[in-house]
Amino acid sequence: MTPAAQPGGPSLGVEDLHRMAWQMHHQDGMSWAHIAAELEEPLAAVERMAALYQQLTDQAADEQQHTLF
């Protein structure tokens, strides 16, 4: 079966889930409990996903920025 034909739609990668959890909370204003229910993941897991996404994006930004002084 091709990915488009699989039941439930396309599967998301780990990075996609991390970004989605962060966006749902910080951009869409959803509670962690609501996000956990939507993603069918434990509450602690979605909180960790979002924290990891933020850590990785902050780290990437730090590596791309130059020191001013």
N, C-alpha and C. Protein backbone atom coordinates (compact mmCIF):
# COMPACT_ATOMS: atom_id res chain seq x y z
N MET A 1 0.82 -1.18 0.00
CA MET A 1 0.00 0.00 0.00
C MET A 1 0.87 1.25 0.00
N THR A 2 0.46 2.24 -0.72
CA THR A 2 1.19 3.50 -0.71
C THR A 2 0.81 4.30 0.53
N PRO A 3 1.67 5.19 0.99
CA PRO A 3 1.36 5.96 2.21
C PRO A 3 0.03 6.71 2.12
N ALA A 4 -0.32 7.23 0.95
CA ALA A 4 -1.57 7.98 0.81
C ALA A 4 -2.79 7.08 0.97
N ALA A 5 -2.62 5.79 0.67
CA ALA A 5 -3.75 4.86 0.72
C ALA A 5 -3.90 4.19 2.08
N GLN A 6 -2.98 4.43 2.99
CA GLN A 6 -3.07 3.80 4.30
C GLN A 6 -4.19 4.43 5.11
N PRO A 7 -4.90 3.61 5.88
CA PRO A 7 -5.96 4.17 6.73
C PRO A 7 -5.38 5.17 7.73
N GLY A 8 -6.13 6.21 8.01
CA GLY A 8 -5.68 7.19 8.99
C GLY A 8 -4.84 8.30 8.41
N GLY A 9 -4.58 8.28 7.13
CA GLY A 9 -3.82 9.35 6.50
C GLY A 9 -2.32 9.13 6.63
N PRO A 10 -1.55 10.13 6.21
CA PRO A 10 -0.09 9.99 6.24
C PRO A 10 0.43 9.95 7.68
N SER A 11 1.51 9.22 7.86
CA SER A 11 2.10 9.16 9.21
C SER A 11 3.05 10.33 9.38
N LEU A 12 3.14 10.81 10.62
CA LEU A 12 4.00 11.94 10.94
C LEU A 12 5.30 11.45 11.54
N GLY A 13 6.36 12.16 11.27
CA GLY A 13 7.64 11.86 11.89
C GLY A 13 7.71 12.41 13.29
N VAL A 14 8.70 12.01 14.02
CA VAL A 14 8.89 12.46 15.40
C VAL A 14 9.03 13.98 15.46
N GLU A 15 9.83 14.54 14.57
CA GLU A 15 10.01 15.99 14.56
C GLU A 15 8.69 16.72 14.29
N ASP A 16 7.87 16.14 13.42
CA ASP A 16 6.56 16.74 13.13
C ASP A 16 5.69 16.77 14.38
N LEU A 17 5.69 15.68 15.14
CA LEU A 17 4.89 15.63 16.37
C LEU A 17 5.39 16.64 17.40
N HIS A 18 6.70 16.77 17.51
CA HIS A 18 7.28 17.72 18.46
C HIS A 18 6.85 19.14 18.10
N ARG A 19 7.00 19.48 16.81
CA ARG A 19 6.62 20.82 16.35
C ARG A 19 5.12 21.03 16.53
N MET A 20 4.32 20.02 16.20
CA MET A 20 2.88 20.14 16.33
C MET A 20 2.46 20.38 17.78
N ALA A 21 3.05 19.66 18.71
CA ALA A 21 2.72 19.84 20.13
C ALA A 21 3.06 21.25 20.57
N TRP A 22 4.23 21.76 20.17
CA TRP A 22 4.63 23.12 20.55
C TRP A 22 3.67 24.14 19.96
N GLN A 23 3.34 24.00 18.67
CA GLN A 23 2.45 24.95 18.01
C GLN A 23 1.05 24.93 18.60
N MET A 24 0.55 23.74 18.90
CA MET A 24 -0.80 23.63 19.46
C MET A 24 -0.90 24.37 20.79
N HIS A 25 0.16 24.31 21.59
CA HIS A 25 0.14 24.98 22.89
C HIS A 25 0.45 26.47 22.78
N HIS A 26 1.56 26.80 22.12
CA HIS A 26 2.05 28.18 22.13
C HIS A 26 1.39 29.07 21.09
N GLN A 27 0.95 28.52 19.97
CA GLN A 27 0.32 29.34 18.94
C GLN A 27 -1.20 29.25 18.99
N ASP A 28 -1.71 28.03 19.23
CA ASP A 28 -3.16 27.83 19.22
C ASP A 28 -3.79 27.96 20.60
N GLY A 29 -2.96 28.01 21.64
CA GLY A 29 -3.46 28.20 22.99
C GLY A 29 -4.16 27.00 23.61
N MET A 30 -3.89 25.82 23.08
CA MET A 30 -4.52 24.60 23.61
C MET A 30 -3.84 24.17 24.91
N SER A 31 -4.59 23.56 25.80
CA SER A 31 -4.01 23.04 27.04
C SER A 31 -3.23 21.77 26.72
N TRP A 32 -2.30 21.44 27.63
CA TRP A 32 -1.53 20.22 27.44
C TRP A 32 -2.44 18.99 27.45
N ALA A 33 -3.45 19.00 28.29
CA ALA A 33 -4.38 17.87 28.36
C ALA A 33 -5.13 17.70 27.04
N HIS A 34 -5.54 18.80 26.44
CA HIS A 34 -6.25 18.74 25.16
C HIS A 34 -5.31 18.23 24.06
N ILE A 35 -4.08 18.70 24.06
CA ILE A 35 -3.10 18.25 23.06
C ILE A 35 -2.84 16.75 23.22
N ALA A 36 -2.70 16.30 24.45
CA ALA A 36 -2.48 14.87 24.70
C ALA A 36 -3.63 14.05 24.14
N ALA A 37 -4.84 14.51 24.34
CA ALA A 37 -6.01 13.80 23.81
C ALA A 37 -6.02 13.81 22.28
N GLU A 38 -5.71 14.96 21.69
CA GLU A 38 -5.70 15.08 20.23
C GLU A 38 -4.65 14.17 19.59
N LEU A 39 -3.46 14.13 20.20
CA LEU A 39 -2.36 13.34 19.63
C LEU A 39 -2.36 11.90 20.12
N GLU A 40 -3.27 11.60 21.04
CA GLU A 40 -3.36 10.25 21.63
C GLU A 40 -2.02 9.83 22.24
N GLU A 41 -1.47 10.76 23.01
CA GLU A 41 -0.20 10.53 23.71
C GLU A 41 -0.39 10.89 25.17
N PRO A 42 0.44 10.34 26.07
CA PRO A 42 0.36 10.72 27.48
C PRO A 42 0.69 12.21 27.67
N LEU A 43 0.10 12.80 28.68
CA LEU A 43 0.29 14.22 28.97
C LEU A 43 1.77 14.58 29.09
N ALA A 44 2.51 13.81 29.87
CA ALA A 44 3.93 14.09 30.07
C ALA A 44 4.70 14.02 28.76
N ALA A 45 4.29 13.14 27.87
CA ALA A 45 4.99 12.98 26.59
C ALA A 45 4.84 14.22 25.71
N VAL A 46 3.63 14.79 25.64
CA VAL A 46 3.45 15.97 24.79
C VAL A 46 4.18 17.18 25.37
N GLU A 47 4.24 17.28 26.68
CA GLU A 47 5.01 18.36 27.30
C GLU A 47 6.49 18.22 26.97
N ARG A 48 7.00 16.99 27.02
CA ARG A 48 8.41 16.75 26.67
C ARG A 48 8.66 17.01 25.19
N MET A 49 7.71 16.62 24.34
CA MET A 49 7.86 16.86 22.89
C MET A 49 8.04 18.35 22.61
N ALA A 50 7.18 19.16 23.20
CA ALA A 50 7.24 20.60 22.97
C ALA A 50 8.53 21.20 23.53
N ALA A 51 8.94 20.75 24.70
CA ALA A 51 10.17 21.25 25.31
C ALA A 51 11.38 20.89 24.45
N LEU A 52 11.40 19.68 23.92
CA LEU A 52 12.51 19.26 23.07
C LEU A 52 12.54 20.06 21.78
N TYR A 53 11.37 20.28 21.18
CA TYR A 53 11.29 21.08 19.96
C TYR A 53 11.85 22.48 20.21
N GLN A 54 11.46 23.10 21.32
CA GLN A 54 11.94 24.45 21.63
C GLN A 54 13.44 24.44 21.87
N GLN A 55 13.93 23.44 22.57
CA GLN A 55 15.38 23.33 22.83
C GLN A 55 16.15 23.20 21.52
N LEU A 56 15.67 22.36 20.62
CA LEU A 56 16.37 22.14 19.36
C LEU A 56 16.34 23.38 18.46
N THR A 57 15.21 24.08 18.43
CA THR A 57 15.14 25.28 17.60
C THR A 57 15.98 26.41 18.20
N ASP A 58 15.99 26.52 19.53
CA ASP A 58 16.84 27.52 20.18
C ASP A 58 18.31 27.24 19.90
N GLN A 59 18.67 25.97 19.98
CA GLN A 59 20.05 25.56 19.73
C GLN A 59 20.46 25.87 18.29
N ALA A 60 19.58 25.59 17.35
CA ALA A 60 19.87 25.86 15.94
C ALA A 60 20.03 27.37 15.71
N ALA A 61 19.19 28.16 16.34
CA ALA A 61 19.29 29.62 16.21
C ALA A 61 20.60 30.13 16.79
N ASP A 62 21.00 29.60 17.94
CA ASP A 62 22.26 30.00 18.57
C ASP A 62 23.44 29.71 17.67
N GLU A 63 23.40 28.58 16.97
CA GLU A 63 24.51 28.20 16.10
C GLU A 63 24.59 29.09 14.86
N GLN A 64 23.46 29.65 14.44
CA GLN A 64 23.44 30.49 13.23
C GLN A 64 23.73 31.95 13.52
N GLN A 65 23.59 32.36 14.77
CA GLN A 65 23.82 33.77 15.10
C GLN A 65 25.30 34.00 15.39
N HIS A 66 25.73 35.20 15.01
CA HIS A 66 27.12 35.56 15.23
C HIS A 66 27.25 36.37 16.52
N THR A 67 28.40 36.28 17.14
CA THR A 67 28.68 37.05 18.34
C THR A 67 28.90 38.51 17.96
N LEU A 68 28.28 39.41 18.64
CA LEU A 68 28.40 40.84 18.32
C LEU A 68 29.66 41.45 18.91
N PHE A 69 30.08 40.95 20.05
CA PHE A 69 31.24 41.56 20.71
C PHE A 69 32.28 40.53 21.01
